[in-house]
C-alpha atoms as a PDB file:
ATOM      1  CA  MET A   1     -62.195 140.095 -13.682  1.00  0.00           C
ATOM      2  CA  GLU A   2     -59.087 141.111 -11.564  1.00  0.00           C
ATOM      3  CA  ASP A   3     -55.496 140.798 -12.931  1.00  0.00           C
ATOM      4  CA  THR A   4     -54.734 137.987 -10.401  1.00  0.00           C
ATOM      5  CA  ASP A   5     -57.194 135.961 -12.365  1.00  0.00           C
ATOM      6  CA  ILE A   6     -54.925 135.672 -15.398  1.00  0.00           C
ATOM      7  CA  GLU A   7     -52.472 133.109 -15.387  1.00  0.00           C
ATOM      8  CA  GLN A   8     -48.897 134.201 -16.453  1.00  0.00           C
ATOM      9  CA  ARG A   9     -48.130 132.994 -20.027  1.00  0.00           C
ATOM     10  CA  ARG A  10     -44.827 131.219 -20.759  1.00  0.00           C
ATOM     11  CA  ASP A  11     -45.040 131.812 -24.589  1.00  0.00           C
ATOM     12  CA  ASN A  12     -46.340 134.480 -26.867  1.00  0.00           C
ATOM     13  CA  PRO A  13     -48.799 132.717 -29.312  1.00  0.00           C
ATOM     14  CA  VAL A  14     -47.425 134.781 -32.145  1.00  0.00           C
ATOM     15  CA  ASP A  15     -44.044 133.025 -31.523  1.00  0.00           C
ATOM     16  CA  MET A  16     -45.633 129.552 -32.246  1.00  0.00           C
ATOM     17  CA  VAL A  17     -47.350 130.878 -35.464  1.00  0.00           C
ATOM     18  CA  GLU A  18     -43.870 132.341 -36.420  1.00  0.00           C
ATOM     19  CA  PHE A  19     -42.407 128.819 -36.166  1.00  0.00           C
ATOM     20  CA  VAL A  20     -45.207 127.335 -38.226  1.00  0.00           C
ATOM     21  CA  ALA A  21     -44.714 129.920 -41.068  1.00  0.00           C
ATOM     22  CA  SER A  22     -40.779 129.312 -40.730  1.00  0.00           C
ATOM     23  CA  SER A  23     -41.286 125.564 -40.981  1.00  0.00           C
ATOM     24  CA  ARG A  24     -43.506 125.734 -43.785  1.00  0.00           C
ATOM     25  CA  GLU A  25     -41.486 128.301 -45.661  1.00  0.00           C
ATOM     26  CA  TRP A  26     -44.402 130.625 -45.877  1.00  0.00           C
ATOM     27  CA  ALA A  27     -43.302 134.522 -46.422  1.00  0.00           C
ATOM     28  CA  PHE A  28     -43.984 136.385 -43.554  1.00  0.00           C
ATOM     29  CA  GLU A  29     -43.178 139.760 -41.722  1.00  0.00           C
ATOM     30  CA  ARG A  30     -43.085 140.103 -37.863  1.00  0.00           C
ATOM     31  CA  ALA A  31     -44.485 143.546 -37.249  1.00  0.00           C
ATOM     32  CA  GLY A  32     -43.792 143.363 -33.635  1.00  0.00           C
ATOM     33  CA  ASP A  33     -43.829 141.163 -30.505  1.00  0.00           C
ATOM     34  CA  ASP A  34     -47.409 140.535 -30.822  1.00  0.00           C
ATOM     35  CA  GLU A  35     -48.155 140.384 -34.686  1.00  0.00           C
ATOM     36  CA  LEU A  36     -47.243 138.784 -37.589  1.00  0.00           C
ATOM     37  CA  ALA A  37     -48.207 139.253 -41.356  1.00  0.00           C
ATOM     38  CA  LEU A  38     -48.510 136.602 -44.104  1.00  0.00           C
ATOM     39  CA  SER A  39     -49.272 136.904 -47.992  1.00  0.00           C
ATOM     40  CA  VAL A  40     -51.214 133.861 -49.000  1.00  0.00           C
ATOM     41  CA  ALA A  41     -51.943 133.271 -52.872  1.00  0.00           C
ATOM     42  CA  GLY A  42     -55.294 132.169 -53.420  1.00  0.00           C
ATOM     43  CA  ARG A  43     -57.006 130.953 -56.409  1.00  0.00           C
ATOM     44  CA  TRP A  44     -58.895 134.255 -57.032  1.00  0.00           C
ATOM     45  CA  THR A  45     -56.690 136.864 -55.453  1.00  0.00           C
ATOM     46  CA  GLN A  46     -53.723 137.578 -52.812  1.00  0.00           C
ATOM     47  CA  TYR A  47     -54.782 137.491 -49.283  1.00  0.00           C
ATOM     48  CA  SER A  48     -53.283 139.638 -46.530  1.00  0.00           C
ATOM     49  CA  VAL A  49     -53.328 137.590 -43.342  1.00  0.00           C
ATOM     50  CA  SER A  50     -52.390 138.979 -39.826  1.00  0.00           C
ATOM     51  CA  PHE A  51     -52.118 137.178 -36.606  1.00  0.00           C
ATOM     52  CA  ALA A  52     -52.122 139.234 -33.509  1.00  0.00           C
ATOM     53  CA  TRP A  53     -51.839 138.440 -29.853  1.00  0.00           C
ATOM     54  CA  ILE A  54     -54.412 140.512 -27.914  1.00  0.00           C
ATOM     55  CA  GLU A  55     -53.297 140.237 -24.184  1.00  0.00           C
ATOM     56  CA  ALA A  56     -56.316 142.048 -22.700  1.00  0.00           C
ATOM     57  CA  CYS A  57     -58.674 139.517 -23.769  1.00  0.00           C
ATOM     58  CA  GLU A  58     -56.112 136.515 -24.172  1.00  0.00           C
ATOM     59  CA  ALA A  59     -56.938 135.910 -27.706  1.00  0.00           C
ATOM     60  CA  LEU A  60     -55.009 135.196 -30.899  1.00  0.00           C
ATOM     61  CA  HIS A  61     -56.864 137.270 -33.422  1.00  0.00           C
ATOM     62  CA  LEU A  62     -56.808 136.344 -37.270  1.00  0.00           C
ATOM     63  CA  GLY A  63     -57.619 138.747 -39.930  1.00  0.00           C
ATOM     64  CA  CYS A  64     -57.630 137.679 -43.448  1.00  0.00           C
ATOM     65  CA  ALA A  65     -58.402 140.514 -45.987  1.00  0.00           C
ATOM     66  CA  PHE A  66     -58.684 140.964 -49.753  1.00  0.00           C
ATOM     67  CA  ASP A  67     -58.850 144.128 -51.705  1.00  0.00           C
ATOM     68  CA  LEU A  68     -62.455 144.792 -53.258  1.00  0.00           C
ATOM     69  CA  ALA A  69     -63.264 148.264 -54.152  1.00  0.00           C
ATOM     70  CA  VAL A  70     -66.892 148.464 -53.493  1.00  0.00           C
ATOM     71  CA  PRO A  71     -68.550 151.246 -55.306  1.00  0.00           C
ATOM     72  CA  THR A  72     -70.532 153.441 -52.956  1.00  0.00           C
ATOM     73  CA  HIS A  73     -73.717 152.641 -54.492  1.00  0.00           C
ATOM     74  CA  ARG A  74     -73.146 148.912 -53.809  1.00  0.00           C
ATOM     75  CA  GLU A  75     -72.152 148.972 -50.189  1.00  0.00           C
ATOM     76  CA  THR A  76     -75.704 148.283 -48.852  1.00  0.00           C
ATOM     77  CA  GLU A  77     -75.986 145.102 -51.101  1.00  0.00           C
ATOM     78  CA  VAL A  78     -72.571 143.997 -49.995  1.00  0.00           C
ATOM     79  CA  LEU A  79     -73.579 144.466 -46.534  1.00  0.00           C
ATOM     80  CA  LYS A  80     -76.600 142.393 -47.060  1.00  0.00           C
ATOM     81  CA  LEU A  81     -74.353 139.596 -48.552  1.00  0.00           C
ATOM     82  CA  LEU A  82     -72.052 139.713 -45.429  1.00  0.00           C
ATOM     83  CA  SER A  83     -74.939 139.209 -43.238  1.00  0.00           C
ATOM     84  CA  ARG A  84     -76.263 136.047 -45.502  1.00  0.00           C
ATOM     85  CA  ILE A  85     -72.777 134.742 -45.379  1.00  0.00           C
ATOM     86  CA  ASN A  86     -72.178 135.156 -41.821  1.00  0.00           C
ATOM     87  CA  GLU A  87     -75.264 133.437 -40.870  1.00  0.00           C
ATOM     88  CA  GLN A  88     -73.809 130.154 -42.490  1.00  0.00           C
ATOM     89  CA  LEU A  89     -70.423 130.251 -40.832  1.00  0.00           C
ATOM     90  CA  ILE A  90     -69.793 128.177 -37.798  1.00  0.00           C
ATOM     91  CA  PHE A  91     -67.000 130.306 -36.618  1.00  0.00           C
ATOM     92  CA  GLY A  92     -65.491 133.528 -37.899  1.00  0.00           C
ATOM     93  CA  HIS A  93     -67.258 136.223 -39.719  1.00  0.00           C
ATOM     94  CA  PHE A  94     -66.737 138.848 -42.543  1.00  0.00           C
ATOM     95  CA  ASP A  95     -66.787 142.484 -42.450  1.00  0.00           C
ATOM     96  CA  LEU A  96     -66.677 145.329 -44.699  1.00  0.00           C
ATOM     97  CA  TRP A  97     -63.709 147.862 -44.329  1.00  0.00           C
ATOM     98  CA  ALA A  98     -65.268 150.346 -46.524  1.00  0.00           C
ATOM     99  CA  LYS A  99     -62.353 152.945 -45.868  1.00  0.00           C
ATOM    100  CA  GLU A 100     -59.544 150.578 -46.908  1.00  0.00           C
ATOM    101  CA  GLY A 101     -61.640 148.866 -49.758  1.00  0.00           C
ATOM    102  CA  ALA A 102     -61.326 145.571 -48.295  1.00  0.00           C
ATOM    103  CA  ILE A 103     -63.370 142.587 -47.314  1.00  0.00           C
ATOM    104  CA  MET A 104     -62.119 140.724 -44.098  1.00  0.00           C
ATOM    105  CA  PHE A 105     -62.664 137.512 -42.546  1.00  0.00           C
ATOM    106  CA  ARG A 106     -61.968 137.598 -38.698  1.00  0.00           C
ATOM    107  CA  HIS A 107     -61.705 134.963 -36.172  1.00  0.00           C
ATOM    108  CA  ALA A 108     -59.985 134.644 -32.777  1.00  0.00           C
ATOM    109  CA  LEU A 109     -58.774 131.720 -30.639  1.00  0.00           C
ATOM    110  CA  LEU A 110     -59.342 132.308 -27.147  1.00  0.00           C
ATOM    111  CA  LEU A 111     -56.501 131.125 -24.886  1.00  0.00           C
ATOM    112  CA  ALA A 112     -57.807 132.026 -21.294  1.00  0.00           C
ATOM    113  CA  GLY A 113     -56.132 130.895 -18.398  1.00  0.00           C
ATOM    114  CA  GLY A 114     -52.633 130.491 -19.891  1.00  0.00           C
ATOM    115  CA  ALA A 115     -53.791 127.903 -22.555  1.00  0.00           C
ATOM    116  CA  ASP A 116     -51.138 127.487 -25.174  1.00  0.00           C
ATOM    117  CA  ALA A 117     -52.076 127.394 -29.049  1.00  0.00           C
ATOM    118  CA  THR A 118     -50.791 124.528 -30.857  1.00  0.00           C
ATOM    119  CA  SER A 119     -49.490 124.538 -34.482  1.00  0.00           C
ATOM    120  CA  GLN A 120     -52.442 122.620 -35.671  1.00  0.00           C
ATOM    121  CA  GLN A 121     -54.732 125.295 -34.307  1.00  0.00           C
ATOM    122  CA  ALA A 122     -52.619 127.997 -36.090  1.00  0.00           C
ATOM    123  CA  GLU A 123     -52.782 126.048 -39.339  1.00  0.00           C
ATOM    124  CA  ARG A 124     -56.475 125.408 -39.063  1.00  0.00           C
ATOM    125  CA  LEU A 125     -57.270 128.956 -38.246  1.00  0.00           C
ATOM    126  CA  LEU A 126     -55.164 129.968 -41.635  1.00  0.00           C
ATOM    127  CA  ALA A 127     -56.821 127.365 -43.577  1.00  0.00           C
ATOM    128  CA  SER A 128     -60.491 128.186 -42.629  1.00  0.00           C
ATOM    129  CA  ALA A 129     -59.888 131.860 -43.390  1.00  0.00           C
ATOM    130  CA  VAL A 130     -58.607 131.328 -46.878  1.00  0.00           C
ATOM    131  CA  GLU A 131     -61.203 128.604 -47.621  1.00  0.00           C
ATOM    132  CA  ASN A 132     -63.978 130.954 -46.613  1.00  0.00           C
ATOM    133  CA  CYS A 133     -62.541 133.877 -48.476  1.00  0.00           C
ATOM    134  CA  GLU A 134     -62.024 131.661 -51.449  1.00  0.00           C
ATOM    135  CA  ARG A 135     -65.539 130.007 -51.418  1.00  0.00           C
ATOM    136  CA  PHE A 136     -67.205 133.577 -51.164  1.00  0.00           C
ATOM    137  CA  HIS A 137     -64.806 135.727 -53.074  1.00  0.00           C
ATOM    138  CA  GLN A 138     -66.956 135.449 -56.393  1.00  0.00           C
ATOM    139  CA  ALA A 139     -70.092 136.443 -54.522  1.00  0.00           C
ATOM    140  CA  PHE A 140     -68.557 139.581 -53.409  1.00  0.00           C
ATOM    141  CA  GLN A 141     -67.207 140.411 -57.004  1.00  0.00           C
ATOM    142  CA  PHE A 142     -70.738 139.583 -58.340  1.00  0.00           C
ATOM    143  CA  VAL A 143     -72.542 142.050 -55.911  1.00  0.00           C
ATOM    144  CA  ALA A 144     -69.822 144.662 -56.227  1.00  0.00           C
ATOM    145  CA  TRP A 145     -69.255 144.555 -59.905  1.00  0.00           C
ATOM    146  CA  SER A 146     -71.767 142.671 -61.780  1.00  0.00           C
ATOM    147  CA  GLY A 147     -74.903 144.544 -60.009  1.00  0.00           C
ATOM    148  CA  LYS A 148     -76.171 140.915 -58.729  1.00  0.00           C
ATOM    149  CA  SER A 149     -78.442 140.918 -55.473  1.00  0.00           C
ATOM    150  CA  ALA A 150     -77.019 139.402 -52.355  1.00  0.00           C
ATOM    151  CA  ALA A 151     -79.301 136.281 -52.582  1.00  0.00           C
ATOM    152  CA  ASP A 152     -78.223 135.683 -56.375  1.00  0.00           C
ATOM    153  CA  ALA A 153     -74.669 136.233 -55.873  1.00  0.00           C
ATOM    154  CA  LEU A 154     -74.589 133.767 -52.657  1.00  0.00           C
ATOM    155  CA  ALA A 155     -76.687 131.201 -54.697  1.00  0.00           C
ATOM    156  CA  CYS A 156     -74.123 131.260 -57.453  1.00  0.00           C
ATOM    157  CA  SER A 157     -71.218 130.930 -54.827  1.00  0.00           C
ATOM    158  CA  LEU A 158     -72.787 127.951 -53.155  1.00  0.00           C
ATOM    159  CA  PHE A 159     -73.614 125.981 -56.336  1.00  0.00           C
ATOM    160  CA  GLU A 160     -71.546 122.883 -56.413  1.00  0.00           C
ATOM    161  CA  THR A 161     -71.193 120.528 -59.273  1.00  0.00           C
ATOM    162  CA  VAL A 162     -71.577 116.806 -58.713  1.00  0.00           C
ATOM    163  CA  GLY A 163     -70.138 113.924 -60.866  1.00  0.00           C
ATOM    164  CA  ASN A 164     -68.090 114.153 -63.906  1.00  0.00           C
ATOM    165  CA  ALA A 165     -68.769 115.082 -67.626  1.00  0.00           C
END
């Protein structure tokens, strides 16, 4: 693709994310023109969320990470769990960043051709990232610290109760 194929963008998508964060009174830090970081409290842990505009591929990238010090002897099983989880996701995926000791959910919103991101898209990106992290957090804990297999941990995290007692 030649540079002439890329339309000139009017607004930086991170500006729109900052507007949403400000209007919702979310604590955030603008690390530069193309990046914004949020801290989001979840049920199980604190999530570090970053939005970054990647001009080269015209994508608004979201990364949502949580600390999970995976013992070296459990990394293979955590990677098996990642694979099983990623098979079930409609969009986005999980990665293990072993060096940082973090599990990260990643997704990107493609805005090719000068398309603008909406506040609803930014909020949905954030909500889906946190929802997926919350949904599978315990499975990661089970594998890393309880010695469960990926299959057993996933079965426990997908268990949903029906009805009332």
